[in-house]
Amino acid sequence: MTRAQRILAAVCLVWIASVWAQDTAAPGPDPLDEELARIGAVRQQKTAELDVQDAACMDRFAVTDCQNKVTIRRRQMLADLKRQEDEIKDAQRQQRAQQQLQRSADKAAENAQHATESEALQSSETERDRQKAQDEKALSHQQHAKPVEPKASGPKIAAGLDADTRAKNRAAYQEKQEAAQKRREDRAQRLIDHVNGGPPLPAAP
C-alpha cells in the first residue's frame, strides 16, 4: 500500500467515524479539508527547500546538472502532492454524493410517512363521517316513523252491541205494529158482528 493509499484510508476512517457521531455534537472541521490544507503546507515547505537547493547549484561546477536534478525532484514532489489532492477531492465528491443520496432518502421517507399519516387520518375521518351519517339517518327515521297502534277490539264489541240493540228495537217495533194491526182487525170484526146483531162492543182500550 502506497503512502497516498494509507492517507486516503485514514481519511476515510475518520470520515466514517464522523458520520456516526451524534447529531447534537457541534460539527468539527472536515478531515478532508484538513488533509488538503496539510498537503498545501507540505508543498510550500518542499518548494522552499527545493528553491534553496536550486540556489545552491550556482556554487557548484556542474550548475546545469544540479539544477536538472532539483527540477526532477520538484516535478516528482509536485506530482505526488497533486495525486494526493486528486484522491482527496475525489473522496470529497463521493462524500457529497453520498450525503445527497442520504438527504434524498430521508426526504422520501419523510414524505412517505406524511402520506401514510395523511391517508390514515382521511380514512378515519371518512369512517367517522359515514358512521355519523348513518346515525343521523337512523335517528331521523325513528323520529318520522308513525307508531303502529293496535286495533282495539272494543269498538267491534260496541258496534256488535249496537247492532243487537237495533235488531231488538226493530223486533219490538214490529211486534207493536203487528199488535196494533191485530187490534184494528179485531175492532173491525166486532163492528161487523154488532151490525149483524151481535153483543155490544167492548170499550176501546
C-alpha atoms as a PDB file:
ATOM      1  CA  MET A   1       0.000   0.000   0.000  1.00  0.00           C
ATOM      2  CA  THR A   2       1.433   3.354  -1.010  1.00  0.00           C
ATOM      3  CA  ARG A   3       1.649   6.352   1.251  1.00  0.00           C
ATOM      4  CA  ALA A   4      -1.196   8.055  -0.615  1.00  0.00           C
ATOM      5  CA  GLN A   5      -3.415   4.993  -0.190  1.00  0.00           C
ATOM      6  CA  ARG A   6      -2.645   4.924   3.525  1.00  0.00           C
ATOM      7  CA  ILE A   7      -3.554   8.592   3.776  1.00  0.00           C
ATOM      8  CA  LEU A   8      -6.799   8.028   1.888  1.00  0.00           C
ATOM      9  CA  ALA A   9      -7.689   5.024   4.063  1.00  0.00           C
ATOM     10  CA  ALA A  10      -7.046   7.020   7.227  1.00  0.00           C
ATOM     11  CA  VAL A  11      -9.116   9.895   5.921  1.00  0.00           C
ATOM     12  CA  CYS A  12     -11.964   7.541   5.026  1.00  0.00           C
ATOM     13  CA  LEU A  13     -11.881   6.028   8.507  1.00  0.00           C
ATOM     14  CA  VAL A  14     -12.045   9.480  10.034  1.00  0.00           C
ATOM     15  CA  TRP A  15     -14.941  10.379   7.753  1.00  0.00           C
ATOM     16  CA  ILE A  16     -16.870   7.184   8.602  1.00  0.00           C
ATOM     17  CA  ALA A  17     -16.401   7.882  12.296  1.00  0.00           C
ATOM     18  CA  SER A  18     -17.711  11.405  11.838  1.00  0.00           C
ATOM     19  CA  VAL A  19     -20.836  10.091  10.066  1.00  0.00           C
ATOM     20  CA  TRP A  20     -21.731   8.003  13.107  1.00  0.00           C
ATOM     21  CA  ALA A  21     -21.186  10.909  15.504  1.00  0.00           C
ATOM     22  CA  GLN A  22     -24.159  12.177  17.463  1.00  0.00           C
ATOM     23  CA  ASP A  23     -26.349  14.759  15.749  1.00  0.00           C
ATOM     24  CA  THR A  24     -26.267  17.009  18.802  1.00  0.00           C
ATOM     25  CA  ALA A  25     -22.485  17.297  18.725  1.00  0.00           C
ATOM     26  CA  ALA A  26     -21.066  20.513  17.300  1.00  0.00           C
ATOM     27  CA  PRO A  27     -19.793  19.910  13.753  1.00  0.00           C
ATOM     28  CA  GLY A  28     -15.983  19.920  13.569  1.00  0.00           C
ATOM     29  CA  PRO A  29     -13.694  20.719  10.652  1.00  0.00           C
ATOM     30  CA  ASP A  30     -13.863  18.432   7.632  1.00  0.00           C
ATOM     31  CA  PRO A  31     -10.975  15.905   7.798  1.00  0.00           C
ATOM     32  CA  LEU A  32     -10.625  16.007   4.025  1.00  0.00           C
ATOM     33  CA  ASP A  33     -10.273  19.783   4.051  1.00  0.00           C
ATOM     34  CA  GLU A  34      -7.666  19.467   6.799  1.00  0.00           C
ATOM     35  CA  GLU A  35      -5.765  16.959   4.673  1.00  0.00           C
ATOM     36  CA  LEU A  36      -5.828  19.319   1.694  1.00  0.00           C
ATOM     37  CA  ALA A  37      -4.503  22.096   3.906  1.00  0.00           C
ATOM     38  CA  ARG A  38      -1.712  19.807   5.104  1.00  0.00           C
ATOM     39  CA  ILE A  39      -0.759  18.953   1.531  1.00  0.00           C
ATOM     40  CA  GLY A  40      -0.669  22.650   0.700  1.00  0.00           C
ATOM     41  CA  ALA A  41       1.645  23.280   3.628  1.00  0.00           C
ATOM     42  CA  VAL A  42       3.890  20.394   2.533  1.00  0.00           C
ATOM     43  CA  ARG A  43       4.010  21.812  -0.983  1.00  0.00           C
ATOM     44  CA  GLN A  44       5.102  25.184   0.298  1.00  0.00           C
ATOM     45  CA  GLN A  45       7.728  23.640   2.560  1.00  0.00           C
ATOM     46  CA  LYS A  46       9.117  21.326  -0.128  1.00  0.00           C
ATOM     47  CA  THR A  47       9.082  24.115  -2.693  1.00  0.00           C
ATOM     48  CA  ALA A  48      11.072  26.343  -0.346  1.00  0.00           C
ATOM     49  CA  GLU A  49      13.576  23.532   0.265  1.00  0.00           C
ATOM     50  CA  LEU A  50      13.987  22.920  -3.470  1.00  0.00           C
ATOM     51  CA  ASP A  51      14.419  26.629  -4.069  1.00  0.00           C
ATOM     52  CA  VAL A  52      17.303  26.587  -1.599  1.00  0.00           C
ATOM     53  CA  GLN A  53      18.819  23.544  -3.329  1.00  0.00           C
ATOM     54  CA  ASP A  54      18.422  25.193  -6.725  1.00  0.00           C
ATOM     55  CA  ALA A  55      20.167  28.311  -5.472  1.00  0.00           C
ATOM     56  CA  ALA A  56      22.974  26.148  -4.060  1.00  0.00           C
ATOM     57  CA  CYS A  57      23.577  24.738  -7.516  1.00  0.00           C
ATOM     58  CA  MET A  58      25.030  28.061  -8.563  1.00  0.00           C
ATOM     59  CA  ASP A  59      28.050  27.432  -6.338  1.00  0.00           C
ATOM     60  CA  ARG A  60      28.828  24.092  -7.978  1.00  0.00           C
ATOM     61  CA  PHE A  61      30.861  23.373 -11.044  1.00  0.00           C
ATOM     62  CA  ALA A  62      28.062  21.490 -12.861  1.00  0.00           C
ATOM     63  CA  VAL A  63      25.346  24.036 -12.379  1.00  0.00           C
ATOM     64  CA  THR A  64      23.048  22.758 -15.085  1.00  0.00           C
ATOM     65  CA  ASP A  65      23.215  19.134 -13.970  1.00  0.00           C
ATOM     66  CA  CYS A  66      22.493  20.169 -10.379  1.00  0.00           C
ATOM     67  CA  GLN A  67      19.561  22.301 -11.415  1.00  0.00           C
ATOM     68  CA  ASN A  68      18.164  19.498 -13.563  1.00  0.00           C
ATOM     69  CA  LYS A  69      18.223  17.129 -10.604  1.00  0.00           C
ATOM     70  CA  VAL A  70      16.465  19.722  -8.453  1.00  0.00           C
ATOM     71  CA  THR A  71      13.872  20.198 -11.208  1.00  0.00           C
ATOM     72  CA  ILE A  72      13.240  16.440 -11.374  1.00  0.00           C
ATOM     73  CA  ARG A  73      12.774  16.250  -7.597  1.00  0.00           C
ATOM     74  CA  ARG A  74      10.452  19.284  -7.759  1.00  0.00           C
ATOM     75  CA  ARG A  75       8.413  17.681 -10.543  1.00  0.00           C
ATOM     76  CA  GLN A  76       8.112  14.393  -8.626  1.00  0.00           C
ATOM     77  CA  MET A  77       7.165  16.188  -5.400  1.00  0.00           C
ATOM     78  CA  LEU A  78       4.518  18.266  -7.129  1.00  0.00           C
ATOM     79  CA  ALA A  79       3.134  15.255  -8.994  1.00  0.00           C
ATOM     80  CA  ASP A  80       2.897  13.210  -5.784  1.00  0.00           C
ATOM     81  CA  LEU A  81       1.148  16.008  -3.922  1.00  0.00           C
ATOM     82  CA  LYS A  82      -1.162  16.615  -6.887  1.00  0.00           C
ATOM     83  CA  ARG A  83      -2.081  12.928  -6.952  1.00  0.00           C
ATOM     84  CA  GLN A  84      -2.872  13.046  -3.220  1.00  0.00           C
ATOM     85  CA  GLU A  85      -5.017  16.137  -3.712  1.00  0.00           C
ATOM     86  CA  ASP A  86      -6.894  14.473  -6.561  1.00  0.00           C
ATOM     87  CA  GLU A  87      -7.587  11.400  -4.404  1.00  0.00           C
ATOM     88  CA  ILE A  88      -8.854  13.563  -1.543  1.00  0.00           C
ATOM     89  CA  LYS A  89     -11.008  15.674  -3.848  1.00  0.00           C
ATOM     90  CA  ASP A  90     -12.426  12.504  -5.366  1.00  0.00           C
ATOM     91  CA  ALA A  91     -13.242  11.291  -1.856  1.00  0.00           C
ATOM     92  CA  GLN A  92     -14.925  14.637  -1.172  1.00  0.00           C
ATOM     93  CA  ARG A  93     -17.046  14.277  -4.290  1.00  0.00           C
ATOM     94  CA  GLN A  94     -18.064  10.770  -3.242  1.00  0.00           C
ATOM     95  CA  GLN A  95     -18.850  12.022   0.245  1.00  0.00           C
ATOM     96  CA  ARG A  96     -21.026  14.835  -1.097  1.00  0.00           C
ATOM     97  CA  ALA A  97     -22.802  12.386  -3.420  1.00  0.00           C
ATOM     98  CA  GLN A  98     -23.495  10.009  -0.531  1.00  0.00           C
ATOM     99  CA  GLN A  99     -24.745  12.881   1.603  1.00  0.00           C
ATOM    100  CA  GLN A 100     -27.047  13.978  -1.204  1.00  0.00           C
ATOM    101  CA  LEU A 101     -28.364  10.440  -1.591  1.00  0.00           C
ATOM    102  CA  GLN A 102     -28.910  10.224   2.157  1.00  0.00           C
ATOM    103  CA  ARG A 103     -30.767  13.538   2.172  1.00  0.00           C
ATOM    104  CA  SER A 104     -32.911  12.361  -0.735  1.00  0.00           C
ATOM    105  CA  ALA A 105     -33.647   9.064   1.026  1.00  0.00           C
ATOM    106  CA  ASP A 106     -34.513  10.876   4.257  1.00  0.00           C
ATOM    107  CA  LYS A 107     -36.776  13.266   2.370  1.00  0.00           C
ATOM    108  CA  ALA A 108     -38.503  10.401   0.546  1.00  0.00           C
ATOM    109  CA  ALA A 109     -39.010   8.530   3.834  1.00  0.00           C
ATOM    110  CA  GLU A 110     -40.385  11.687   5.445  1.00  0.00           C
ATOM    111  CA  ASN A 111     -42.782  12.265   2.539  1.00  0.00           C
ATOM    112  CA  ALA A 112     -43.905   8.632   2.653  1.00  0.00           C
ATOM    113  CA  GLN A 113     -44.508   8.906   6.404  1.00  0.00           C
ATOM    114  CA  HIS A 114     -46.520  12.087   5.941  1.00  0.00           C
ATOM    115  CA  ALA A 115     -48.523  10.480   3.129  1.00  0.00           C
ATOM    116  CA  THR A 116     -49.271   7.425   5.288  1.00  0.00           C
ATOM    117  CA  GLU A 117     -50.332   9.565   8.228  1.00  0.00           C
ATOM    118  CA  SER A 118     -52.475  11.767   5.991  1.00  0.00           C
ATOM    119  CA  GLU A 119     -54.143   8.735   4.381  1.00  0.00           C
ATOM    120  CA  ALA A 120     -54.823   7.185   7.786  1.00  0.00           C
ATOM    121  CA  LEU A 121     -56.289  10.474   9.027  1.00  0.00           C
ATOM    122  CA  GLN A 122     -58.508  10.847   5.966  1.00  0.00           C
ATOM    123  CA  SER A 123     -59.663   7.247   6.275  1.00  0.00           C
ATOM    124  CA  SER A 124     -60.500   7.774   9.949  1.00  0.00           C
ATOM    125  CA  GLU A 125     -62.377  10.984   9.197  1.00  0.00           C
ATOM    126  CA  THR A 126     -64.278   9.309   6.351  1.00  0.00           C
ATOM    127  CA  GLU A 127     -65.269   6.419   8.606  1.00  0.00           C
ATOM    128  CA  ARG A 128     -66.433   8.842  11.308  1.00  0.00           C
ATOM    129  CA  ASP A 129     -68.426  10.855   8.764  1.00  0.00           C
ATOM    130  CA  ARG A 130     -70.018   7.699   7.375  1.00  0.00           C
ATOM    131  CA  GLN A 131     -70.928   6.461  10.847  1.00  0.00           C
ATOM    132  CA  LYS A 132     -72.285   9.899  11.769  1.00  0.00           C
ATOM    133  CA  ALA A 133     -74.432   9.978   8.617  1.00  0.00           C
ATOM    134  CA  GLN A 134     -75.786   6.510   9.392  1.00  0.00           C
ATOM    135  CA  ASP A 135     -76.615   7.531  12.961  1.00  0.00           C
ATOM    136  CA  GLU A 136     -78.353  10.704  11.788  1.00  0.00           C
ATOM    137  CA  LYS A 137     -80.329   8.758   9.178  1.00  0.00           C
ATOM    138  CA  ALA A 138     -81.427   6.190  11.754  1.00  0.00           C
ATOM    139  CA  LEU A 139     -82.431   8.939  14.203  1.00  0.00           C
ATOM    140  CA  SER A 140     -84.377  10.791  11.516  1.00  0.00           C
ATOM    141  CA  HIS A 141     -86.141   7.588  10.528  1.00  0.00           C
ATOM    142  CA  GLN A 142     -87.116   6.946  14.130  1.00  0.00           C
ATOM    143  CA  GLN A 143     -88.397  10.488  14.566  1.00  0.00           C
ATOM    144  CA  HIS A 144     -90.543  10.438  11.417  1.00  0.00           C
ATOM    145  CA  ALA A 145     -91.813   6.882  11.692  1.00  0.00           C
ATOM    146  CA  LYS A 146     -95.520   6.643  12.725  1.00  0.00           C
ATOM    147  CA  PRO A 147     -96.165   4.197  15.562  1.00  0.00           C
ATOM    148  CA  VAL A 148     -98.449   1.347  14.652  1.00  0.00           C
ATOM    149  CA  GLU A 149    -101.359   1.366  17.088  1.00  0.00           C
ATOM    150  CA  PRO A 150    -103.008  -1.978  17.789  1.00  0.00           C
ATOM    151  CA  LYS A 151    -106.569  -2.239  16.655  1.00  0.00           C
ATOM    152  CA  ALA A 152    -108.748  -2.292  19.728  1.00  0.00           C
ATOM    153  CA  SER A 153    -111.457  -4.894  19.917  1.00  0.00           C
ATOM    154  CA  GLY A 154    -113.669  -2.602  21.981  1.00  0.00           C
ATOM    155  CA  PRO A 155    -115.256  -0.716  19.097  1.00  0.00           C
ATOM    156  CA  LYS A 156    -116.099  -4.010  17.404  1.00  0.00           C
ATOM    157  CA  ILE A 157    -117.872  -5.163  20.539  1.00  0.00           C
ATOM    158  CA  ALA A 158    -119.609  -1.822  20.863  1.00  0.00           C
ATOM    159  CA  ALA A 159    -120.641  -1.969  17.222  1.00  0.00           C
ATOM    160  CA  GLY A 160    -121.916  -5.505  17.793  1.00  0.00           C
ATOM    161  CA  LEU A 161    -123.966  -4.432  20.814  1.00  0.00           C
ATOM    162  CA  ASP A 162    -125.439  -1.547  18.863  1.00  0.00           C
ATOM    163  CA  ALA A 163    -126.445  -3.922  16.080  1.00  0.00           C
ATOM    164  CA  ASP A 164    -128.109  -6.256  18.581  1.00  0.00           C
ATOM    165  CA  THR A 165    -129.886  -3.357  20.171  1.00  0.00           C
ATOM    166  CA  ARG A 166    -131.098  -2.140  16.810  1.00  0.00           C
ATOM    167  CA  ALA A 167    -132.284  -5.627  15.938  1.00  0.00           C
ATOM    168  CA  LYS A 168    -134.130  -5.892  19.210  1.00  0.00           C
ATOM    169  CA  ASN A 169    -135.621  -2.494  18.742  1.00  0.00           C
ATOM    170  CA  ARG A 170    -136.755  -3.442  15.246  1.00  0.00           C
ATOM    171  CA  ALA A 171    -138.257  -6.671  16.554  1.00  0.00           C
ATOM    172  CA  ALA A 172    -140.079  -4.840  19.349  1.00  0.00           C
ATOM    173  CA  TYR A 173    -141.318  -2.245  16.909  1.00  0.00           C
ATOM    174  CA  GLN A 174    -142.528  -4.984  14.568  1.00  0.00           C
ATOM    175  CA  GLU A 175    -144.355  -6.676  17.423  1.00  0.00           C
ATOM    176  CA  LYS A 176    -146.017  -3.427  18.352  1.00  0.00           C
ATOM    177  CA  GLN A 177    -147.052  -2.892  14.745  1.00  0.00           C
ATOM    178  CA  GLU A 178    -148.418  -6.392  14.499  1.00  0.00           C
ATOM    179  CA  ALA A 179    -150.273  -5.993  17.815  1.00  0.00           C
ATOM    180  CA  ALA A 180    -151.752  -2.706  16.686  1.00  0.00           C
ATOM    181  CA  GLN A 181    -152.768  -4.302  13.389  1.00  0.00           C
ATOM    182  CA  LYS A 182    -154.336  -7.196  15.313  1.00  0.00           C
ATOM    183  CA  ARG A 183    -156.302  -4.811  17.475  1.00  0.00           C
ATOM    184  CA  ARG A 184    -157.544  -2.939  14.438  1.00  0.00           C
ATOM    185  CA  GLU A 185    -158.662  -6.184  12.790  1.00  0.00           C
ATOM    186  CA  ASP A 186    -160.432  -7.322  15.995  1.00  0.00           C
ATOM    187  CA  ARG A 187    -162.211  -3.988  16.340  1.00  0.00           C
ATOM    188  CA  ALA A 188    -163.331  -4.104  12.742  1.00  0.00           C
ATOM    189  CA  GLN A 189    -164.661  -7.633  13.289  1.00  0.00           C
ATOM    190  CA  ARG A 190    -166.595  -6.562  16.360  1.00  0.00           C
ATOM    191  CA  LEU A 191    -168.152  -3.714  14.431  1.00  0.00           C
ATOM    192  CA  ILE A 192    -169.251  -6.150  11.799  1.00  0.00           C
ATOM    193  CA  ASP A 193    -170.657  -8.508  14.414  1.00  0.00           C
ATOM    194  CA  HIS A 194    -172.508  -5.644  16.149  1.00  0.00           C
ATOM    195  CA  VAL A 195    -174.115  -4.545  12.967  1.00  0.00           C
ATOM    196  CA  ASN A 196    -175.312  -8.079  12.398  1.00  0.00           C
ATOM    197  CA  GLY A 197    -176.920  -8.171  15.894  1.00  0.00           C
ATOM    198  CA  GLY A 198    -174.088  -9.458  17.904  1.00  0.00           C
ATOM    199  CA  PRO A 199    -173.192  -8.485  21.504  1.00  0.00           C
ATOM    200  CA  PRO A 200    -172.329  -4.838  22.194  1.00  0.00           C
ATOM    201  CA  LEU A 201    -168.813  -3.675  21.509  1.00  0.00           C
ATOM    202  CA  PRO A 202    -166.462  -3.624  24.472  1.00  0.00           C
ATOM    203  CA  ALA A 203    -164.961  -0.364  25.433  1.00  0.00           C
ATOM    204  CA  ALA A 204    -161.904   0.561  23.467  1.00  0.00           C
ATOM    205  CA  PRO A 205    -158.668   0.053  25.430  1.00  0.00           C
END
